[in-house]
């Protein structure tokens, strides 16, 4: 199995912080955490060692949906190698379309691009486009930062929504003459 350059030292901490934020939000759904055996089998199927932060994410959260944005991981004791519903299936499907062997798909935003962890570059998260076959631009220095930024954005969106709802309720009470 191919090993990667060491992951950024802050990635695991930021991954933990992100999961803690997401755990408090309403529009977030976690999958079933992956077992250690599932993670080992996924690494064997992909032929790479996954970064510690992605292993932690899979073992703690499985996968996560944040306001409809699906972040791929692994769930429970099984994974698909033919459907893009987890990191193994999505990565193997994209490798057939030119994804470098040392990249792992973590997110499909639905716009024709894929967010991938580039294991040859120390675990940075890139945007890869299947049609171009190019490695793509770096978007995040590591998986932990990718997840933390998504979590922080979702937290901010949820706070803004609650503020607007409270403001709307206040205006309705004022219009009715309530205090």
N, C-alpha and C. Protein backbone atom coordinates (compact mmCIF):
# COMPACT_ATOMS: atom_id res chain seq x y z
N UNK A 1 0.85 -1.18 0.00
CA UNK A 1 0.00 0.00 0.00
C UNK A 1 0.89 1.23 0.00
N UNK A 2 0.47 2.20 -0.74
CA UNK A 2 1.22 3.43 -0.90
C UNK A 2 0.96 4.35 0.30
N UNK A 3 2.02 4.91 0.83
CA UNK A 3 1.85 5.85 1.94
C UNK A 3 1.98 7.27 1.43
N UNK A 4 1.42 8.20 2.16
CA UNK A 4 1.46 9.59 1.74
C UNK A 4 2.44 10.38 2.59
N UNK A 5 2.80 11.55 2.08
CA UNK A 5 3.59 12.46 2.90
C UNK A 5 2.76 12.79 4.13
N UNK A 6 3.42 13.15 5.18
CA UNK A 6 2.69 13.45 6.41
C UNK A 6 1.66 14.55 6.20
N UNK A 7 0.54 14.37 6.83
CA UNK A 7 -0.53 15.35 6.77
C UNK A 7 -0.15 16.56 7.63
N UNK A 8 -0.72 17.69 7.29
CA UNK A 8 -0.51 18.92 8.07
C UNK A 8 -0.83 18.65 9.54
N UNK A 9 0.03 19.09 10.47
CA UNK A 9 -0.18 18.74 11.88
C UNK A 9 -1.49 19.27 12.49
N UNK A 10 -2.07 20.32 11.95
CA UNK A 10 -3.30 20.85 12.52
C UNK A 10 -4.56 20.22 11.97
N UNK A 11 -4.44 19.35 10.97
CA UNK A 11 -5.61 18.82 10.30
C UNK A 11 -6.52 18.02 11.23
N UNK A 12 -5.94 17.16 12.04
CA UNK A 12 -6.75 16.33 12.93
C UNK A 12 -7.51 17.19 13.94
N UNK A 13 -6.84 18.18 14.53
CA UNK A 13 -7.51 19.07 15.49
C UNK A 13 -8.64 19.85 14.83
N UNK A 14 -8.40 20.34 13.61
CA UNK A 14 -9.45 21.09 12.92
C UNK A 14 -10.61 20.19 12.53
N UNK A 15 -10.32 18.95 12.21
CA UNK A 15 -11.38 17.98 11.92
C UNK A 15 -12.24 17.76 13.16
N UNK A 16 -11.61 17.59 14.30
CA UNK A 16 -12.36 17.42 15.56
C UNK A 16 -13.20 18.65 15.86
N UNK A 17 -12.61 19.84 15.68
CA UNK A 17 -13.34 21.09 15.93
C UNK A 17 -14.55 21.20 15.00
N UNK A 18 -14.37 20.82 13.74
CA UNK A 18 -15.46 20.89 12.77
C UNK A 18 -16.60 19.97 13.18
N UNK A 19 -16.28 18.77 13.57
CA UNK A 19 -17.33 17.81 13.98
C UNK A 19 -18.06 18.33 15.21
N UNK A 20 -17.35 18.96 16.14
CA UNK A 20 -17.99 19.53 17.33
C UNK A 20 -18.96 20.64 16.95
N UNK A 21 -18.58 21.48 15.99
CA UNK A 21 -19.49 22.53 15.52
C UNK A 21 -20.71 21.91 14.84
N UNK A 22 -20.44 20.99 13.93
CA UNK A 22 -21.54 20.37 13.17
C UNK A 22 -22.52 19.63 14.06
N UNK A 23 -22.01 19.06 15.13
CA UNK A 23 -22.85 18.30 16.05
C UNK A 23 -23.91 19.18 16.71
N UNK A 24 -23.70 20.49 16.76
CA UNK A 24 -24.63 21.41 17.40
C UNK A 24 -25.64 22.03 16.42
N UNK A 25 -25.46 21.79 15.13
CA UNK A 25 -26.30 22.45 14.14
C UNK A 25 -27.51 21.60 13.78
N UNK A 26 -28.57 22.27 13.33
CA UNK A 26 -29.82 21.59 13.03
C UNK A 26 -29.83 20.92 11.66
N UNK A 27 -29.30 21.58 10.64
CA UNK A 27 -29.40 21.07 9.28
C UNK A 27 -28.18 20.21 8.90
N UNK A 28 -27.82 19.33 9.82
CA UNK A 28 -26.66 18.45 9.64
C UNK A 28 -27.09 17.02 9.98
N UNK A 29 -26.70 16.09 9.11
CA UNK A 29 -26.99 14.68 9.33
C UNK A 29 -25.70 13.89 9.19
N UNK A 30 -25.37 13.13 10.21
CA UNK A 30 -24.19 12.28 10.18
C UNK A 30 -24.58 10.88 9.74
N UNK A 31 -23.62 10.18 9.14
CA UNK A 31 -23.82 8.78 8.80
C UNK A 31 -23.46 7.90 9.98
N UNK A 32 -23.41 6.62 9.76
CA UNK A 32 -22.99 5.67 10.78
C UNK A 32 -21.46 5.62 10.78
N UNK A 33 -20.82 5.79 11.91
CA UNK A 33 -19.35 5.74 11.94
C UNK A 33 -18.82 4.42 11.38
N UNK A 34 -17.69 4.51 10.71
CA UNK A 34 -17.05 3.33 10.12
C UNK A 34 -16.26 2.58 11.19
N UNK A 35 -16.20 1.29 11.04
CA UNK A 35 -15.40 0.47 11.96
C UNK A 35 -13.93 0.53 11.53
N UNK A 36 -13.01 0.23 12.44
CA UNK A 36 -11.59 0.19 12.06
C UNK A 36 -11.33 -0.77 10.89
N UNK A 37 -12.03 -1.91 10.89
CA UNK A 37 -11.86 -2.87 9.81
C UNK A 37 -12.32 -2.29 8.47
N UNK A 38 -13.41 -1.54 8.48
CA UNK A 38 -13.91 -0.91 7.25
C UNK A 38 -12.88 0.07 6.71
N UNK A 39 -12.28 0.85 7.60
CA UNK A 39 -11.27 1.82 7.17
C UNK A 39 -10.06 1.11 6.58
N UNK A 40 -9.62 0.03 7.21
CA UNK A 40 -8.48 -0.74 6.68
C UNK A 40 -8.81 -1.33 5.31
N UNK A 41 -10.02 -1.87 5.14
CA UNK A 41 -10.41 -2.44 3.86
C UNK A 41 -10.53 -1.37 2.78
N UNK A 42 -10.99 -0.19 3.18
CA UNK A 42 -11.08 0.93 2.22
C UNK A 42 -9.69 1.33 1.74
N UNK A 43 -8.74 1.39 2.67
CA UNK A 43 -7.37 1.72 2.28
C UNK A 43 -6.82 0.67 1.32
N UNK A 44 -7.09 -0.59 1.60
CA UNK A 44 -6.62 -1.67 0.72
C UNK A 44 -7.27 -1.55 -0.66
N UNK A 45 -8.56 -1.25 -0.70
CA UNK A 45 -9.26 -1.13 -1.98
C UNK A 45 -8.72 0.04 -2.81
N UNK A 46 -8.33 1.10 -2.12
CA UNK A 46 -7.80 2.27 -2.82
C UNK A 46 -6.30 2.20 -3.06
N UNK A 47 -5.61 1.34 -2.31
CA UNK A 47 -4.17 1.21 -2.47
C UNK A 47 -3.39 2.38 -1.89
N UNK A 48 -3.97 3.07 -0.91
CA UNK A 48 -3.31 4.22 -0.27
C UNK A 48 -3.59 4.19 1.23
N UNK A 49 -2.76 4.89 1.97
CA UNK A 49 -3.04 5.14 3.39
C UNK A 49 -3.80 6.46 3.47
N UNK A 50 -4.95 6.44 4.10
CA UNK A 50 -5.74 7.66 4.24
C UNK A 50 -5.11 8.57 5.28
N UNK A 51 -5.26 9.88 5.13
CA UNK A 51 -4.74 10.81 6.13
C UNK A 51 -5.45 10.59 7.48
N UNK A 52 -4.74 10.81 8.59
CA UNK A 52 -5.34 10.61 9.91
C UNK A 52 -6.66 11.37 10.11
N UNK A 53 -6.77 12.58 9.58
CA UNK A 53 -8.01 13.35 9.77
C UNK A 53 -9.18 12.70 9.05
N UNK A 54 -8.96 12.14 7.87
CA UNK A 54 -10.05 11.47 7.15
C UNK A 54 -10.42 10.17 7.84
N UNK A 55 -9.44 9.47 8.38
CA UNK A 55 -9.74 8.25 9.16
C UNK A 55 -10.58 8.61 10.39
N UNK A 56 -10.19 9.68 11.08
CA UNK A 56 -10.93 10.11 12.26
C UNK A 56 -12.36 10.47 11.88
N UNK A 57 -12.51 11.23 10.80
CA UNK A 57 -13.84 11.63 10.33
C UNK A 57 -14.70 10.40 10.05
N UNK A 58 -14.14 9.42 9.35
CA UNK A 58 -14.90 8.21 9.02
C UNK A 58 -15.27 7.44 10.28
N UNK A 59 -14.35 7.37 11.24
CA UNK A 59 -14.60 6.62 12.47
C UNK A 59 -15.55 7.34 13.42
N UNK A 60 -15.57 8.67 13.37
CA UNK A 60 -16.39 9.44 14.30
C UNK A 60 -17.74 9.84 13.69
N UNK A 61 -17.74 10.25 12.43
CA UNK A 61 -18.96 10.76 11.80
C UNK A 61 -19.48 9.86 10.69
N UNK A 62 -18.62 9.09 10.09
CA UNK A 62 -19.00 8.27 8.93
C UNK A 62 -18.99 9.12 7.68
N UNK A 63 -20.07 9.86 7.49
CA UNK A 63 -20.24 10.85 6.42
C UNK A 63 -21.00 12.00 7.05
N UNK A 64 -21.18 13.07 6.31
CA UNK A 64 -22.00 14.16 6.83
C UNK A 64 -22.67 14.90 5.69
N UNK A 65 -23.92 15.28 5.94
CA UNK A 65 -24.66 16.15 5.03
C UNK A 65 -24.86 17.47 5.76
N UNK A 66 -24.35 18.54 5.16
CA UNK A 66 -24.43 19.87 5.76
C UNK A 66 -25.31 20.72 4.85
N UNK A 67 -26.54 20.92 5.26
CA UNK A 67 -27.50 21.69 4.44
C UNK A 67 -27.51 21.17 3.01
N UNK A 68 -27.50 19.85 2.86
CA UNK A 68 -27.57 19.24 1.55
C UNK A 68 -26.23 18.98 0.88
N UNK A 69 -25.14 19.50 1.44
CA UNK A 69 -23.81 19.24 0.89
C UNK A 69 -23.29 17.94 1.49
N UNK A 70 -23.07 16.95 0.64
CA UNK A 70 -22.63 15.64 1.11
C UNK A 70 -21.10 15.57 1.14
N UNK A 71 -20.55 15.31 2.31
CA UNK A 71 -19.12 15.08 2.45
C UNK A 71 -18.95 13.57 2.59
N UNK A 72 -18.21 13.00 1.66
CA UNK A 72 -18.06 11.55 1.62
C UNK A 72 -17.09 11.05 2.67
N UNK A 73 -17.37 9.89 3.17
CA UNK A 73 -16.51 9.20 4.11
C UNK A 73 -16.77 7.72 3.94
N UNK A 74 -16.92 7.05 5.04
CA UNK A 74 -17.25 5.62 5.07
C UNK A 74 -18.29 5.43 6.15
N UNK A 75 -19.14 4.44 6.00
CA UNK A 75 -20.13 4.19 7.03
C UNK A 75 -20.17 2.72 7.40
N UNK A 76 -20.38 2.49 8.67
CA UNK A 76 -20.60 1.13 9.17
C UNK A 76 -19.52 0.14 8.80
N UNK A 77 -19.97 -1.02 8.36
CA UNK A 77 -19.04 -2.11 8.08
C UNK A 77 -18.87 -2.40 6.60
N UNK A 78 -19.63 -1.73 5.75
CA UNK A 78 -19.57 -2.01 4.31
C UNK A 78 -19.36 -0.72 3.53
N UNK A 79 -18.88 -0.86 2.32
CA UNK A 79 -18.78 0.27 1.41
C UNK A 79 -18.94 -0.24 -0.02
N UNK A 80 -19.42 0.66 -0.87
CA UNK A 80 -19.61 0.31 -2.28
C UNK A 80 -18.33 0.62 -3.04
N UNK A 81 -18.00 -0.26 -3.97
CA UNK A 81 -16.88 0.03 -4.87
C UNK A 81 -17.39 0.42 -6.25
N UNK A 82 -18.71 0.45 -6.42
CA UNK A 82 -19.27 0.76 -7.74
C UNK A 82 -20.19 1.98 -7.74
N UNK A 83 -20.57 2.47 -6.57
CA UNK A 83 -21.42 3.65 -6.48
C UNK A 83 -20.66 4.78 -5.79
N UNK A 84 -20.91 6.00 -6.21
CA UNK A 84 -20.18 7.15 -5.66
C UNK A 84 -20.82 7.66 -4.37
N UNK A 85 -21.11 6.75 -3.44
CA UNK A 85 -21.77 7.13 -2.19
C UNK A 85 -20.79 7.18 -1.02
N UNK A 86 -19.53 6.89 -1.27
CA UNK A 86 -18.50 6.93 -0.24
C UNK A 86 -17.16 7.20 -0.91
N UNK A 87 -16.11 7.37 -0.12
CA UNK A 87 -14.82 7.72 -0.71
C UNK A 87 -14.27 6.62 -1.62
N UNK A 88 -14.58 5.37 -1.33
CA UNK A 88 -14.05 4.27 -2.15
C UNK A 88 -14.74 4.25 -3.51
N UNK A 89 -16.06 4.15 -3.52
CA UNK A 89 -16.79 4.10 -4.78
C UNK A 89 -16.55 5.33 -5.64
N UNK A 90 -16.62 6.52 -5.02
CA UNK A 90 -16.43 7.76 -5.78
C UNK A 90 -15.02 7.84 -6.36
N UNK A 91 -14.03 7.45 -5.56
CA UNK A 91 -12.64 7.53 -6.02
C UNK A 91 -12.38 6.53 -7.14
N UNK A 92 -12.84 5.30 -6.99
CA UNK A 92 -12.62 4.31 -8.03
C UNK A 92 -13.32 4.70 -9.33
N UNK A 93 -14.51 5.24 -9.26
CA UNK A 93 -15.20 5.70 -10.46
C UNK A 93 -14.44 6.83 -11.15
N UNK A 94 -13.92 7.77 -10.35
CA UNK A 94 -13.20 8.89 -10.94
C UNK A 94 -11.81 8.49 -11.45
N UNK A 95 -11.20 7.49 -10.85
CA UNK A 95 -9.92 7.01 -11.37
C UNK A 95 -10.09 6.48 -12.79
N UNK A 96 -11.24 5.88 -13.05
CA UNK A 96 -11.51 5.41 -14.41
C UNK A 96 -11.66 6.58 -15.39
N UNK A 97 -11.87 7.78 -14.86
CA UNK A 97 -12.01 8.99 -15.68
C UNK A 97 -10.76 9.86 -15.62
N UNK A 98 -9.68 9.33 -15.04
CA UNK A 98 -8.42 10.06 -15.06
C UNK A 98 -7.95 10.65 -13.74
N UNK A 99 -8.69 10.43 -12.66
CA UNK A 99 -8.23 10.93 -11.36
C UNK A 99 -6.91 10.26 -11.01
N UNK A 100 -5.91 11.03 -10.58
CA UNK A 100 -4.64 10.43 -10.18
C UNK A 100 -4.83 9.38 -9.08
N UNK A 101 -4.04 8.32 -9.13
CA UNK A 101 -4.16 7.21 -8.19
C UNK A 101 -3.98 7.62 -6.74
N UNK A 102 -3.30 8.71 -6.49
CA UNK A 102 -3.02 9.11 -5.11
C UNK A 102 -3.90 10.29 -4.69
N UNK A 103 -5.10 10.30 -5.23
CA UNK A 103 -6.12 11.28 -4.84
C UNK A 103 -7.35 10.52 -4.36
N UNK A 104 -8.08 11.12 -3.42
CA UNK A 104 -9.29 10.51 -2.85
C UNK A 104 -10.42 11.53 -2.93
N UNK A 105 -11.53 11.14 -3.53
CA UNK A 105 -12.69 12.03 -3.67
C UNK A 105 -13.40 12.16 -2.32
N UNK A 106 -13.67 13.42 -1.92
CA UNK A 106 -14.38 13.66 -0.66
C UNK A 106 -15.68 14.43 -0.83
N UNK A 107 -15.88 15.06 -2.01
CA UNK A 107 -17.09 15.86 -2.20
C UNK A 107 -17.34 16.06 -3.68
N UNK A 108 -18.62 15.89 -4.06
CA UNK A 108 -19.07 16.17 -5.42
C UNK A 108 -20.12 17.26 -5.31
N UNK A 109 -19.75 18.51 -5.62
CA UNK A 109 -20.71 19.60 -5.46
C UNK A 109 -21.80 19.65 -6.52
N UNK A 110 -21.73 18.76 -7.52
CA UNK A 110 -22.78 18.70 -8.52
C UNK A 110 -22.57 19.64 -9.69
N UNK A 111 -21.41 20.24 -9.79
CA UNK A 111 -21.14 21.18 -10.88
C UNK A 111 -20.12 20.64 -11.88
N UNK A 112 -19.85 19.35 -11.82
CA UNK A 112 -18.88 18.75 -12.72
C UNK A 112 -17.48 18.65 -12.15
N UNK A 113 -17.27 19.23 -10.98
CA UNK A 113 -15.97 19.15 -10.32
C UNK A 113 -16.04 18.17 -9.16
N UNK A 114 -14.89 17.81 -8.63
CA UNK A 114 -14.80 16.97 -7.44
C UNK A 114 -13.76 17.58 -6.51
N UNK A 115 -14.05 17.58 -5.22
CA UNK A 115 -13.04 17.95 -4.24
C UNK A 115 -12.31 16.67 -3.87
N UNK A 116 -10.98 16.72 -3.96
CA UNK A 116 -10.17 15.54 -3.72
C UNK A 116 -9.02 15.87 -2.78
N UNK A 117 -8.62 14.88 -2.00
CA UNK A 117 -7.42 14.99 -1.19
C UNK A 117 -6.27 14.48 -2.04
N UNK A 118 -5.26 15.32 -2.23
CA UNK A 118 -4.08 14.96 -3.02
C UNK A 118 -3.01 14.44 -2.07
N UNK A 119 -2.86 13.13 -2.03
CA UNK A 119 -1.91 12.51 -1.10
C UNK A 119 -0.46 12.75 -1.49
N UNK A 120 -0.20 13.05 -2.76
CA UNK A 120 1.17 13.35 -3.19
C UNK A 120 1.60 14.74 -2.75
N UNK A 121 0.67 15.56 -2.36
CA UNK A 121 0.97 16.94 -1.97
C UNK A 121 0.68 17.17 -0.49
N UNK A 122 0.87 16.15 0.33
CA UNK A 122 0.70 16.30 1.77
C UNK A 122 -0.73 16.40 2.23
N UNK A 123 -1.68 15.98 1.40
CA UNK A 123 -3.08 15.96 1.82
C UNK A 123 -3.85 17.22 1.54
N UNK A 124 -3.34 18.10 0.66
CA UNK A 124 -4.12 19.30 0.36
C UNK A 124 -5.40 18.91 -0.36
N UNK A 125 -6.42 19.74 -0.23
CA UNK A 125 -7.69 19.51 -0.91
C UNK A 125 -7.71 20.36 -2.17
N UNK A 126 -7.90 19.69 -3.29
CA UNK A 126 -7.94 20.34 -4.60
C UNK A 126 -9.33 20.19 -5.21
N UNK A 127 -9.60 21.04 -6.18
CA UNK A 127 -10.77 20.87 -7.02
C UNK A 127 -10.28 20.26 -8.31
N UNK A 128 -10.83 19.09 -8.64
CA UNK A 128 -10.43 18.35 -9.84
C UNK A 128 -11.62 18.29 -10.79
N UNK A 129 -11.34 18.48 -12.06
CA UNK A 129 -12.38 18.42 -13.09
C UNK A 129 -12.12 17.21 -13.97
N UNK A 130 -13.03 16.24 -13.99
CA UNK A 130 -12.81 15.03 -14.79
C UNK A 130 -12.48 15.30 -16.26
N UNK A 131 -13.15 16.25 -16.87
CA UNK A 131 -12.93 16.48 -18.29
C UNK A 131 -11.52 16.99 -18.58
N UNK A 132 -10.97 17.79 -17.71
CA UNK A 132 -9.66 18.39 -17.98
C UNK A 132 -8.52 17.43 -17.65
N UNK A 133 -8.72 16.58 -16.64
CA UNK A 133 -7.67 15.68 -16.23
C UNK A 133 -6.54 16.37 -15.47
N UNK A 134 -6.65 17.68 -15.26
CA UNK A 134 -5.61 18.41 -14.54
C UNK A 134 -5.78 18.21 -13.05
N UNK A 135 -4.69 18.36 -12.32
CA UNK A 135 -4.72 18.20 -10.87
C UNK A 135 -5.68 19.17 -10.21
N UNK A 136 -5.79 20.37 -10.70
CA UNK A 136 -6.73 21.34 -10.14
C UNK A 136 -6.09 22.25 -9.11
N UNK A 137 -6.82 23.29 -8.78
CA UNK A 137 -6.33 24.31 -7.85
C UNK A 137 -6.45 23.84 -6.41
N UNK A 138 -5.48 24.26 -5.60
CA UNK A 138 -5.57 24.00 -4.16
C UNK A 138 -6.66 24.90 -3.59
N UNK A 139 -7.56 24.31 -2.83
CA UNK A 139 -8.62 25.07 -2.18
C UNK A 139 -8.45 25.14 -0.67
N UNK A 140 -7.87 24.09 -0.10
CA UNK A 140 -7.68 24.02 1.35
C UNK A 140 -6.36 23.31 1.61
N UNK A 141 -5.62 23.72 2.64
CA UNK A 141 -4.32 23.10 2.90
C UNK A 141 -4.41 21.66 3.39
N UNK A 142 -5.61 21.24 3.88
CA UNK A 142 -5.79 19.88 4.36
C UNK A 142 -7.27 19.62 4.62
N UNK A 143 -7.62 18.34 4.83
CA UNK A 143 -9.00 17.94 5.02
C UNK A 143 -9.63 18.62 6.25
N UNK A 144 -8.89 18.71 7.34
CA UNK A 144 -9.43 19.34 8.55
C UNK A 144 -9.89 20.76 8.29
N UNK A 145 -9.10 21.53 7.54
CA UNK A 145 -9.47 22.92 7.23
C UNK A 145 -10.69 22.95 6.31
N UNK A 146 -10.73 22.06 5.33
CA UNK A 146 -11.88 21.95 4.42
C UNK A 146 -13.16 21.75 5.24
N UNK A 147 -13.15 20.79 6.14
CA UNK A 147 -14.32 20.48 6.94
C UNK A 147 -14.65 21.61 7.91
N UNK A 148 -13.63 22.20 8.52
CA UNK A 148 -13.85 23.29 9.47
C UNK A 148 -14.45 24.51 8.78
N UNK A 149 -14.00 24.82 7.58
CA UNK A 149 -14.58 25.96 6.86
C UNK A 149 -16.04 25.70 6.50
N UNK A 150 -16.36 24.49 6.08
CA UNK A 150 -17.76 24.15 5.81
C UNK A 150 -18.60 24.26 7.08
N UNK A 151 -18.08 23.76 8.19
CA UNK A 151 -18.79 23.81 9.47
C UNK A 151 -19.00 25.25 9.92
N UNK A 152 -17.96 26.06 9.82
CA UNK A 152 -18.06 27.47 10.24
C UNK A 152 -19.05 28.23 9.37
N UNK A 153 -19.03 27.97 8.06
CA UNK A 153 -20.00 28.61 7.17
C UNK A 153 -21.42 28.20 7.54
N UNK A 154 -21.63 26.91 7.79
CA UNK A 154 -22.96 26.43 8.16
C UNK A 154 -23.41 27.03 9.48
N UNK A 155 -22.48 27.15 10.43
CA UNK A 155 -22.81 27.75 11.72
C UNK A 155 -23.22 29.21 11.54
N UNK A 156 -22.48 29.94 10.71
CA UNK A 156 -22.81 31.34 10.44
C UNK A 156 -24.15 31.47 9.75
N UNK A 157 -24.42 30.59 8.78
CA UNK A 157 -25.71 30.62 8.08
C UNK A 157 -26.86 30.35 9.04
N UNK A 158 -26.66 29.39 9.95
CA UNK A 158 -27.72 29.06 10.90
C UNK A 158 -27.96 30.22 11.86
N UNK A 159 -26.91 30.88 12.33
CA UNK A 159 -27.06 32.04 13.22
C UNK A 159 -27.79 33.17 12.49
N UNK A 160 -27.43 33.40 11.23
CA UNK A 160 -28.08 34.45 10.46
C UNK A 160 -29.56 34.15 10.27
N UNK A 161 -29.89 32.91 10.01
CA UNK A 161 -31.28 32.50 9.84
C UNK A 161 -32.06 32.72 11.13
N UNK A 162 -31.46 32.32 12.26
CA UNK A 162 -32.15 32.53 13.56
C UNK A 162 -32.33 34.02 13.84
N UNK A 163 -31.34 34.85 13.52
CA UNK A 163 -31.43 36.29 13.73
C UNK A 163 -32.58 36.86 12.89
N UNK A 164 -32.65 36.46 11.63
CA UNK A 164 -33.71 36.96 10.75
C UNK A 164 -35.08 36.52 11.24
N UNK A 165 -35.18 35.29 11.73
CA UNK A 165 -36.46 34.80 12.25
C UNK A 165 -36.88 35.61 13.48
N UNK A 166 -35.92 35.87 14.39
CA UNK A 166 -36.24 36.67 15.59
C UNK A 166 -36.65 38.09 15.19
N UNK A 167 -35.94 38.66 14.23
CA UNK A 167 -36.25 40.02 13.77
C UNK A 167 -37.64 40.06 13.14
N UNK A 168 -37.99 39.06 12.33
CA UNK A 168 -39.30 38.99 11.70
C UNK A 168 -40.39 38.88 12.77
N UNK A 169 -40.16 38.05 13.79
CA UNK A 169 -41.13 37.90 14.89
C UNK A 169 -41.30 39.21 15.64
N UNK A 170 -40.20 39.93 15.86
CA UNK A 170 -40.29 41.23 16.54
C UNK A 170 -41.13 42.21 15.73
N UNK A 171 -40.89 42.24 14.42
CA UNK A 171 -41.64 43.16 13.57
C UNK A 171 -43.11 42.79 13.53
N UNK A 172 -43.42 41.51 13.51
CA UNK A 172 -44.82 41.06 13.53
C UNK A 172 -45.50 41.49 14.82
N UNK A 173 -44.78 41.34 15.97
CA UNK A 173 -45.36 41.77 17.25
C UNK A 173 -45.59 43.29 17.26
N UNK A 174 -44.64 44.04 16.72
CA UNK A 174 -44.80 45.50 16.66
C UNK A 174 -46.00 45.89 15.78
N UNK A 175 -46.15 45.19 14.66
CA UNK A 175 -47.26 45.49 13.76
C UNK A 175 -48.61 45.16 14.39
N UNK A 176 -48.65 44.16 15.28
CA UNK A 176 -49.88 43.79 16.00
C UNK A 176 -50.10 44.69 17.22
N UNK A 177 -49.11 45.45 17.59
CA UNK A 177 -49.21 46.29 18.76
C UNK A 177 -48.74 45.61 20.04
N UNK A 178 -48.17 44.39 19.93
CA UNK A 178 -47.62 43.70 21.09
C UNK A 178 -46.30 44.34 21.48
N UNK A 179 -45.92 44.12 22.71
CA UNK A 179 -44.62 44.62 23.13
C UNK A 179 -43.67 43.52 23.39
